[in-house]
Amino acid sequence: MIKDNHIAVAGSITKAVAAAKQAGHSQIQVECDTLKQVKEALDAGATSLLLDNMPPPKLREALAIIDGRAITEASGGVRLDTVRAIAETGVDRISIGRLTQSAPAVDIGLDFGAL
């Protein structure tokens, strides 16, 4: 997956995708925060786009641009009260980090006794 730091080091999404292709990767996912990034990632040949922190109306705009040319994944801001609206946009996948980021800790102890 090509994330914002990879893009910053490479200089652009186009250059980051080209480097991934040159390294022999055939499946290339790019994290996109804006519609401009979506267009650049598609033009560069990304096979999957992680649409980060986009509300449903913006997801629909992104999906119209993508038009089936890449696998889509919505990520960021996904909660129980938003997941249905996100799913109804038509994205292929939804990632939910809150499942692990917000999990409460369990108080577990282990006591040893004499045999």
N, C-alpha and C. Protein backbone atom coordinates (compact mmCIF):
# COMPACT_ATOMS: atom_id res chain seq x y z
N MET A 1 0.83 -1.17 0.00
CA MET A 1 0.00 0.00 0.00
C MET A 1 0.88 1.24 0.00
N ILE A 2 0.55 2.16 -0.86
CA ILE A 2 1.27 3.43 -0.94
C ILE A 2 0.50 4.45 -0.11
N LYS A 3 1.16 4.94 0.94
CA LYS A 3 0.54 5.91 1.84
C LYS A 3 1.17 7.28 1.65
N ASP A 4 0.68 8.27 2.39
CA ASP A 4 1.13 9.65 2.21
C ASP A 4 2.64 9.82 2.37
N ASN A 5 3.26 9.12 3.30
CA ASN A 5 4.71 9.24 3.47
C ASN A 5 5.47 8.70 2.26
N HIS A 6 4.97 7.61 1.67
CA HIS A 6 5.61 7.07 0.46
C HIS A 6 5.51 8.09 -0.68
N ILE A 7 4.35 8.71 -0.78
CA ILE A 7 4.13 9.70 -1.84
C ILE A 7 5.07 10.90 -1.64
N ALA A 8 5.21 11.32 -0.38
CA ALA A 8 6.10 12.45 -0.08
C ALA A 8 7.54 12.14 -0.46
N VAL A 9 7.99 10.93 -0.15
CA VAL A 9 9.37 10.54 -0.47
C VAL A 9 9.56 10.41 -1.98
N ALA A 10 8.58 9.81 -2.65
CA ALA A 10 8.69 9.60 -4.10
C ALA A 10 8.54 10.89 -4.89
N GLY A 11 7.78 11.83 -4.34
CA GLY A 11 7.56 13.10 -5.03
C GLY A 11 6.18 13.26 -5.62
N SER A 12 5.50 12.15 -5.84
CA SER A 12 4.12 12.19 -6.36
C SER A 12 3.54 10.78 -6.33
N ILE A 13 2.24 10.71 -6.47
CA ILE A 13 1.58 9.40 -6.58
C ILE A 13 2.08 8.69 -7.82
N THR A 14 2.18 9.41 -8.91
CA THR A 14 2.64 8.82 -10.17
C THR A 14 4.00 8.17 -10.02
N LYS A 15 4.92 8.87 -9.38
CA LYS A 15 6.27 8.32 -9.19
C LYS A 15 6.26 7.14 -8.22
N ALA A 16 5.44 7.21 -7.18
CA ALA A 16 5.37 6.11 -6.21
C ALA A 16 4.81 4.85 -6.85
N VAL A 17 3.77 4.99 -7.67
CA VAL A 17 3.20 3.84 -8.37
C VAL A 17 4.20 3.28 -9.37
N ALA A 18 4.90 4.15 -10.08
CA ALA A 18 5.91 3.69 -11.04
C ALA A 18 7.01 2.89 -10.33
N ALA A 19 7.42 3.35 -9.15
CA ALA A 19 8.45 2.63 -8.39
C ALA A 19 7.95 1.26 -7.94
N ALA A 20 6.69 1.19 -7.53
CA ALA A 20 6.10 -0.09 -7.11
C ALA A 20 6.03 -1.05 -8.29
N LYS A 21 5.64 -0.53 -9.45
CA LYS A 21 5.59 -1.38 -10.65
C LYS A 21 6.98 -1.86 -11.03
N GLN A 22 7.97 -0.97 -10.95
CA GLN A 22 9.34 -1.33 -11.30
C GLN A 22 9.87 -2.41 -10.35
N ALA A 23 9.39 -2.40 -9.11
CA ALA A 23 9.81 -3.40 -8.12
C ALA A 23 9.10 -4.74 -8.34
N GLY A 24 8.19 -4.79 -9.31
CA GLY A 24 7.53 -6.04 -9.65
C GLY A 24 6.17 -6.26 -9.03
N HIS A 25 5.64 -5.24 -8.37
CA HIS A 25 4.31 -5.39 -7.76
C HIS A 25 3.23 -5.26 -8.82
N SER A 26 2.29 -6.19 -8.83
CA SER A 26 1.21 -6.13 -9.81
C SER A 26 -0.08 -5.57 -9.19
N GLN A 27 -0.22 -5.68 -7.88
CA GLN A 27 -1.38 -5.13 -7.18
C GLN A 27 -0.89 -3.94 -6.36
N ILE A 28 -1.37 -2.77 -6.69
CA ILE A 28 -0.87 -1.56 -6.04
C ILE A 28 -2.05 -0.75 -5.51
N GLN A 29 -2.08 -0.60 -4.18
CA GLN A 29 -3.13 0.19 -3.54
C GLN A 29 -2.55 1.54 -3.14
N VAL A 30 -3.31 2.60 -3.42
CA VAL A 30 -2.89 3.96 -3.07
C VAL A 30 -3.92 4.57 -2.14
N GLU A 31 -3.45 5.15 -1.05
CA GLU A 31 -4.31 5.87 -0.13
C GLU A 31 -4.59 7.25 -0.71
N CYS A 32 -5.88 7.59 -0.84
CA CYS A 32 -6.28 8.87 -1.43
C CYS A 32 -7.16 9.64 -0.46
N ASP A 33 -6.81 10.91 -0.23
CA ASP A 33 -7.61 11.78 0.64
C ASP A 33 -8.46 12.75 -0.16
N THR A 34 -8.10 12.94 -1.44
CA THR A 34 -8.79 13.93 -2.27
C THR A 34 -9.17 13.32 -3.62
N LEU A 35 -10.09 13.97 -4.30
CA LEU A 35 -10.49 13.51 -5.63
C LEU A 35 -9.35 13.70 -6.63
N LYS A 36 -8.53 14.71 -6.43
CA LYS A 36 -7.35 14.92 -7.28
C LYS A 36 -6.41 13.72 -7.17
N GLN A 37 -6.21 13.22 -5.94
CA GLN A 37 -5.36 12.05 -5.74
C GLN A 37 -5.97 10.81 -6.38
N VAL A 38 -7.29 10.69 -6.32
CA VAL A 38 -7.98 9.56 -6.96
C VAL A 38 -7.67 9.55 -8.45
N LYS A 39 -7.80 10.70 -9.10
CA LYS A 39 -7.54 10.80 -10.54
C LYS A 39 -6.08 10.45 -10.85
N GLU A 40 -5.15 10.98 -10.05
CA GLU A 40 -3.73 10.72 -10.31
C GLU A 40 -3.41 9.24 -10.12
N ALA A 41 -3.95 8.63 -9.07
CA ALA A 41 -3.69 7.21 -8.81
C ALA A 41 -4.22 6.34 -9.94
N LEU A 42 -5.40 6.65 -10.43
CA LEU A 42 -5.96 5.90 -11.56
C LEU A 42 -5.11 6.05 -12.81
N ASP A 43 -4.74 7.29 -13.10
CA ASP A 43 -3.91 7.55 -14.28
C ASP A 43 -2.55 6.85 -14.19
N ALA A 44 -2.05 6.69 -12.96
CA ALA A 44 -0.75 6.05 -12.75
C ALA A 44 -0.84 4.53 -12.84
N GLY A 45 -2.06 3.99 -12.75
CA GLY A 45 -2.23 2.55 -12.87
C GLY A 45 -2.43 1.80 -11.57
N ALA A 46 -2.85 2.50 -10.52
CA ALA A 46 -3.15 1.81 -9.26
C ALA A 46 -4.30 0.84 -9.48
N THR A 47 -4.23 -0.31 -8.82
CA THR A 47 -5.28 -1.33 -8.97
C THR A 47 -6.31 -1.26 -7.86
N SER A 48 -5.99 -0.55 -6.79
CA SER A 48 -6.89 -0.44 -5.65
C SER A 48 -6.69 0.93 -5.01
N LEU A 49 -7.80 1.54 -4.59
CA LEU A 49 -7.73 2.85 -3.95
C LEU A 49 -8.36 2.79 -2.57
N LEU A 50 -7.61 3.23 -1.57
CA LEU A 50 -8.14 3.35 -0.22
C LEU A 50 -8.60 4.79 -0.09
N LEU A 51 -9.90 4.98 0.01
CA LEU A 51 -10.50 6.31 0.06
C LEU A 51 -10.61 6.70 1.53
N ASP A 52 -9.71 7.57 1.98
CA ASP A 52 -9.53 7.84 3.40
C ASP A 52 -10.31 9.06 3.88
N ASN A 53 -11.10 8.84 4.92
CA ASN A 53 -11.85 9.92 5.58
C ASN A 53 -12.76 10.70 4.64
N MET A 54 -13.38 10.00 3.71
CA MET A 54 -14.32 10.65 2.80
C MET A 54 -15.74 10.35 3.26
N PRO A 55 -16.55 11.39 3.48
CA PRO A 55 -17.96 11.15 3.81
C PRO A 55 -18.69 10.57 2.60
N PRO A 56 -19.85 9.96 2.81
CA PRO A 56 -20.57 9.32 1.70
C PRO A 56 -20.74 10.16 0.43
N PRO A 57 -21.09 11.44 0.51
CA PRO A 57 -21.21 12.20 -0.75
C PRO A 57 -19.90 12.26 -1.54
N LYS A 58 -18.78 12.43 -0.83
CA LYS A 58 -17.48 12.48 -1.50
C LYS A 58 -17.09 11.10 -2.01
N LEU A 59 -17.46 10.04 -1.28
CA LEU A 59 -17.21 8.68 -1.76
C LEU A 59 -17.93 8.45 -3.09
N ARG A 60 -19.17 8.93 -3.18
CA ARG A 60 -19.93 8.77 -4.43
C ARG A 60 -19.24 9.49 -5.59
N GLU A 61 -18.71 10.68 -5.32
CA GLU A 61 -17.97 11.41 -6.36
C GLU A 61 -16.74 10.61 -6.79
N ALA A 62 -16.02 10.09 -5.82
CA ALA A 62 -14.82 9.30 -6.13
C ALA A 62 -15.18 8.07 -6.94
N LEU A 63 -16.26 7.39 -6.56
CA LEU A 63 -16.68 6.18 -7.28
C LEU A 63 -17.09 6.50 -8.71
N ALA A 64 -17.68 7.67 -8.93
CA ALA A 64 -18.05 8.07 -10.29
C ALA A 64 -16.79 8.27 -11.13
N ILE A 65 -15.75 8.83 -10.53
CA ILE A 65 -14.48 9.02 -11.24
C ILE A 65 -13.82 7.67 -11.52
N ILE A 66 -13.83 6.80 -10.53
CA ILE A 66 -13.17 5.49 -10.64
C ILE A 66 -13.87 4.61 -11.67
N ASP A 67 -15.19 4.63 -11.64
CA ASP A 67 -16.02 3.94 -12.64
C ASP A 67 -15.60 2.49 -12.87
N GLY A 68 -15.32 1.77 -11.78
CA GLY A 68 -15.00 0.35 -11.88
C GLY A 68 -13.58 0.03 -12.32
N ARG A 69 -12.72 1.03 -12.47
CA ARG A 69 -11.35 0.79 -12.94
C ARG A 69 -10.39 0.33 -11.85
N ALA A 70 -10.83 0.35 -10.59
CA ALA A 70 -9.99 -0.09 -9.48
C ALA A 70 -10.88 -0.58 -8.36
N ILE A 71 -10.33 -1.44 -7.53
CA ILE A 71 -11.02 -1.88 -6.32
C ILE A 71 -11.04 -0.69 -5.36
N THR A 72 -12.15 -0.51 -4.66
CA THR A 72 -12.28 0.63 -3.76
C THR A 72 -12.48 0.18 -2.32
N GLU A 73 -11.86 0.92 -1.41
CA GLU A 73 -11.98 0.62 0.02
C GLU A 73 -12.17 1.93 0.76
N ALA A 74 -13.22 2.02 1.55
CA ALA A 74 -13.45 3.19 2.39
C ALA A 74 -12.80 2.95 3.74
N SER A 75 -12.15 3.97 4.26
CA SER A 75 -11.46 3.85 5.54
C SER A 75 -11.49 5.19 6.25
N GLY A 76 -11.48 5.16 7.55
CA GLY A 76 -11.44 6.39 8.32
C GLY A 76 -12.84 6.92 8.61
N GLY A 77 -13.11 7.18 9.86
CA GLY A 77 -14.41 7.71 10.24
C GLY A 77 -15.53 6.69 10.18
N VAL A 78 -15.19 5.42 10.10
CA VAL A 78 -16.21 4.38 10.02
C VAL A 78 -16.63 4.00 11.44
N ARG A 79 -17.91 4.21 11.71
CA ARG A 79 -18.48 3.87 13.02
C ARG A 79 -19.77 3.09 12.77
N LEU A 80 -20.33 2.54 13.82
CA LEU A 80 -21.58 1.79 13.68
C LEU A 80 -22.68 2.66 13.08
N ASP A 81 -22.70 3.95 13.42
CA ASP A 81 -23.76 4.81 12.90
C ASP A 81 -23.48 5.33 11.49
N THR A 82 -22.30 5.07 10.92
CA THR A 82 -21.99 5.53 9.56
C THR A 82 -21.76 4.40 8.57
N VAL A 83 -21.56 3.18 9.06
CA VAL A 83 -21.14 2.09 8.18
C VAL A 83 -22.19 1.76 7.11
N ARG A 84 -23.47 1.83 7.44
CA ARG A 84 -24.49 1.53 6.44
C ARG A 84 -24.46 2.55 5.29
N ALA A 85 -24.39 3.82 5.63
CA ALA A 85 -24.35 4.86 4.59
C ALA A 85 -23.10 4.71 3.72
N ILE A 86 -21.99 4.33 4.33
CA ILE A 86 -20.76 4.10 3.57
C ILE A 86 -20.93 2.90 2.64
N ALA A 87 -21.50 1.82 3.16
CA ALA A 87 -21.72 0.62 2.34
C ALA A 87 -22.65 0.92 1.17
N GLU A 88 -23.66 1.75 1.40
CA GLU A 88 -24.63 2.07 0.35
C GLU A 88 -24.05 2.91 -0.78
N THR A 89 -22.84 3.44 -0.61
CA THR A 89 -22.20 4.19 -1.70
C THR A 89 -21.75 3.26 -2.82
N GLY A 90 -21.51 1.98 -2.47
CA GLY A 90 -21.07 1.02 -3.47
C GLY A 90 -19.59 0.69 -3.44
N VAL A 91 -18.87 1.14 -2.40
CA VAL A 91 -17.46 0.77 -2.29
C VAL A 91 -17.34 -0.75 -2.19
N ASP A 92 -16.20 -1.27 -2.64
CA ASP A 92 -16.00 -2.72 -2.60
C ASP A 92 -15.70 -3.23 -1.20
N ARG A 93 -14.98 -2.43 -0.42
CA ARG A 93 -14.56 -2.86 0.92
C ARG A 93 -14.67 -1.69 1.89
N ILE A 94 -14.82 -2.04 3.15
CA ILE A 94 -14.80 -1.04 4.22
C ILE A 94 -13.86 -1.55 5.30
N SER A 95 -12.89 -0.72 5.67
CA SER A 95 -12.01 -1.12 6.77
C SER A 95 -12.40 -0.33 8.02
N ILE A 96 -12.41 -1.03 9.13
CA ILE A 96 -12.88 -0.45 10.38
C ILE A 96 -11.80 -0.59 11.44
N GLY A 97 -10.98 0.43 11.59
CA GLY A 97 -9.91 0.40 12.58
C GLY A 97 -10.41 0.48 14.00
N ARG A 98 -11.60 1.03 14.20
CA ARG A 98 -12.14 1.17 15.56
C ARG A 98 -12.31 -0.17 16.27
N LEU A 99 -12.42 -1.25 15.51
CA LEU A 99 -12.57 -2.56 16.14
C LEU A 99 -11.40 -2.87 17.06
N THR A 100 -10.21 -2.46 16.65
CA THR A 100 -9.03 -2.73 17.46
C THR A 100 -8.54 -1.49 18.20
N GLN A 101 -8.74 -0.31 17.65
CA GLN A 101 -8.25 0.91 18.29
C GLN A 101 -9.04 1.26 19.55
N SER A 102 -10.30 0.93 19.58
CA SER A 102 -11.16 1.31 20.70
C SER A 102 -11.55 0.14 21.58
N ALA A 103 -10.92 -0.98 21.39
CA ALA A 103 -11.26 -2.16 22.19
C ALA A 103 -10.87 -1.91 23.64
N PRO A 104 -11.79 -2.17 24.58
CA PRO A 104 -11.45 -1.97 25.99
C PRO A 104 -10.46 -3.03 26.47
N ALA A 105 -9.64 -2.64 27.42
CA ALA A 105 -8.68 -3.58 28.00
C ALA A 105 -9.40 -4.53 28.95
N VAL A 106 -8.90 -5.73 29.03
CA VAL A 106 -9.45 -6.72 29.95
C VAL A 106 -8.42 -6.93 31.06
N ASP A 107 -8.89 -6.89 32.30
CA ASP A 107 -8.00 -7.08 33.45
C ASP A 107 -7.83 -8.58 33.69
N ILE A 108 -6.66 -9.09 33.33
CA ILE A 108 -6.38 -10.52 33.46
C ILE A 108 -5.18 -10.69 34.38
N GLY A 109 -5.26 -11.63 35.28
CA GLY A 109 -4.14 -11.91 36.17
C GLY A 109 -3.87 -13.40 36.20
N LEU A 110 -2.67 -13.76 36.63
CA LEU A 110 -2.28 -15.16 36.74
C LEU A 110 -1.54 -15.32 38.06
N ASP A 111 -2.09 -16.12 38.93
CA ASP A 111 -1.48 -16.37 40.24
C ASP A 111 -0.97 -17.79 40.29
N PHE A 112 0.25 -17.96 40.79
CA PHE A 112 0.84 -19.28 40.97
C PHE A 112 0.75 -19.67 42.44
N GLY A 113 0.50 -20.93 42.69
CA GLY A 113 0.47 -21.44 44.06
C GLY A 113 1.51 -22.53 44.23
N ALA A 114 1.82 -22.84 45.46
CA ALA A 114 2.79 -23.90 45.75
C ALA A 114 2.20 -25.25 45.39
N LEU A 115 3.06 -26.18 44.93
CA LEU A 115 2.61 -27.53 44.58
C LEU A 115 2.64 -28.44 45.76
